[in-house]
Protein backbone atom coordinates (compact mmCIF):
# COMPACT_ATOMS: atom_id res chain seq x y z
CA MET A 1 103.82 114.81 56.54
CA GLU A 2 105.59 117.72 58.22
CA PHE A 3 102.60 119.95 57.69
CA VAL A 4 100.25 117.47 59.36
CA ALA A 5 102.58 117.29 62.34
CA TYR A 6 102.84 121.09 62.29
CA PHE A 7 99.07 121.55 62.54
CA VAL A 8 98.72 118.89 65.22
CA VAL A 9 101.40 120.60 67.33
CA ILE A 10 99.80 124.00 66.82
CA ILE A 11 96.42 122.64 67.95
CA VAL A 12 97.98 121.03 71.01
CA VAL A 13 99.87 124.23 71.89
CA SER A 14 96.76 126.37 71.35
CA VAL A 15 94.39 124.29 73.42
CA GLY A 16 97.06 123.52 75.99
CA SER A 17 97.97 127.16 76.56
CA PHE A 18 94.33 128.16 77.07
CA TRP A 19 93.71 125.18 79.35
CA LEU A 20 96.81 125.91 81.42
CA ALA A 21 96.05 129.64 81.75
CA GLY A 22 92.40 128.95 82.56
CA SER A 23 93.32 126.29 85.09
CA LEU A 24 95.74 128.68 86.79
CA TYR A 25 92.97 131.26 86.98
CA GLY A 26 90.61 128.67 88.38
CA LEU A 27 93.18 127.59 90.93
CA PHE A 28 93.64 131.09 92.36
CA HIS A 29 89.99 132.15 92.11
CA ARG A 30 87.94 131.76 95.27
CA PRO A 31 85.86 129.62 95.21
CA ALA A 32 87.97 127.46 92.92
CA ILE A 33 86.78 127.07 89.33
CA TYR A 34 87.16 123.97 87.21
CA PHE A 35 88.31 125.02 83.72
CA PRO A 36 87.12 122.35 81.26
CA LEU A 37 89.06 121.27 78.20
CA SER A 38 86.01 122.00 76.03
CA LEU A 39 86.11 125.68 77.04
CA ALA A 40 89.84 125.79 76.28
CA THR A 41 89.17 124.29 72.86
CA LYS A 42 86.44 126.83 72.08
CA MET A 43 88.64 129.72 73.19
CA ALA A 44 91.61 128.40 71.19
CA LEU A 45 89.52 128.08 68.04
CA CYS A 46 88.10 131.58 68.50
CA ALA A 47 91.54 133.05 69.12
CA THR A 48 93.19 131.27 66.21
CA PHE A 49 90.59 131.82 63.53
CA GLY A 50 89.52 135.22 64.81
CA ALA A 51 93.11 136.42 64.73
CA MET A 52 93.50 135.20 61.15
CA LEU A 53 90.32 136.88 60.00
CA PHE A 54 90.01 140.05 62.03
CA MET A 55 93.47 140.57 63.62
CA VAL A 56 92.47 141.43 67.22
CA GLY A 57 89.10 139.76 66.77
CA GLY A 58 90.52 136.55 68.15
CA VAL A 59 91.12 138.11 71.53
CA VAL A 60 87.64 139.63 71.53
CA LEU A 61 85.93 136.39 70.48
CA ALA A 62 87.81 134.28 73.02
CA THR A 63 86.99 136.79 75.75
CA LEU A 64 83.30 136.71 74.82
CA VAL A 65 83.29 132.90 74.95
CA PHE A 66 84.93 133.00 78.39
CA ASN A 67 82.43 135.62 79.57
CA ALA A 68 79.48 133.57 78.33
CA GLU A 69 80.66 130.51 80.24
CA MET A 70 81.31 132.46 83.43
CA LYS A 71 77.81 134.03 83.29
CA LYS A 72 76.45 130.63 84.23
CA ARG A 73 78.08 130.85 87.67
CA ASP A 74 76.36 132.29 90.74
CA ASP A 75 79.35 134.44 91.70
CA TYR A 76 79.62 136.13 88.26
CA LYS A 77 80.90 139.72 88.17
CA GLN A 78 81.17 141.22 84.72
CA TRP A 79 84.26 143.43 84.83
CA PRO A 80 86.66 141.06 86.60
CA VAL A 81 85.62 138.25 84.25
CA LEU A 82 86.10 140.42 81.16
CA ILE A 83 89.52 141.59 82.33
CA VAL A 84 90.71 138.08 83.16
CA GLY A 85 89.26 136.72 79.92
CA ALA A 86 91.10 139.38 77.92
CA LEU A 87 94.36 138.71 79.78
CA ILE A 88 94.09 134.97 79.20
CA SER A 89 93.25 135.55 75.54
CA VAL A 90 96.13 137.97 74.94
CA LEU A 91 98.64 135.78 76.75
CA CYS A 92 97.63 132.64 74.91
CA THR A 93 97.42 134.37 71.54
CA VAL A 94 101.01 135.56 72.00
CA VAL A 95 102.09 132.02 72.89
CA ILE A 96 100.29 130.66 69.82
CA TYR A 97 101.85 133.32 67.58
CA PHE A 98 105.40 132.60 68.70
CA SER A 99 104.92 128.84 68.49
CA VAL A 100 103.50 129.15 64.97
CA ILE A 101 106.42 131.29 63.81
CA SER A 102 109.15 129.24 65.47
CA LEU A 103 107.75 125.93 64.25
CA ALA A 104 107.29 127.26 60.72
CA TRP A 105 110.94 128.32 60.56
CA LYS A 106 112.05 124.90 61.78
CA ILE A 107 109.96 123.15 59.14
CA LEU A 108 110.91 125.47 56.27
CA GLY A 109 114.53 126.02 57.28
């Protein structure tokens, strides 16, 4: 039962961190951008599974997903979007990593 709760919390932390970081970006971007929960979920899945499989591939995959979504906008500029996508991905991957480790020690210890 603890492992089910562990995975649920990790999913909530993963998606929540991407949604919060993306929403903060959208809040300060002019014109304001709505950051949907579906995009946060896609980025969290890419970051989590990409990091497990390819180490830094999670950051790259999440950044590419963010870039693909931002290409649909009229005010798209490639380099600022790639930089912000990479920053969001790195920040959230670090948050996910530390939450995974700290929660694992609490469950096992």
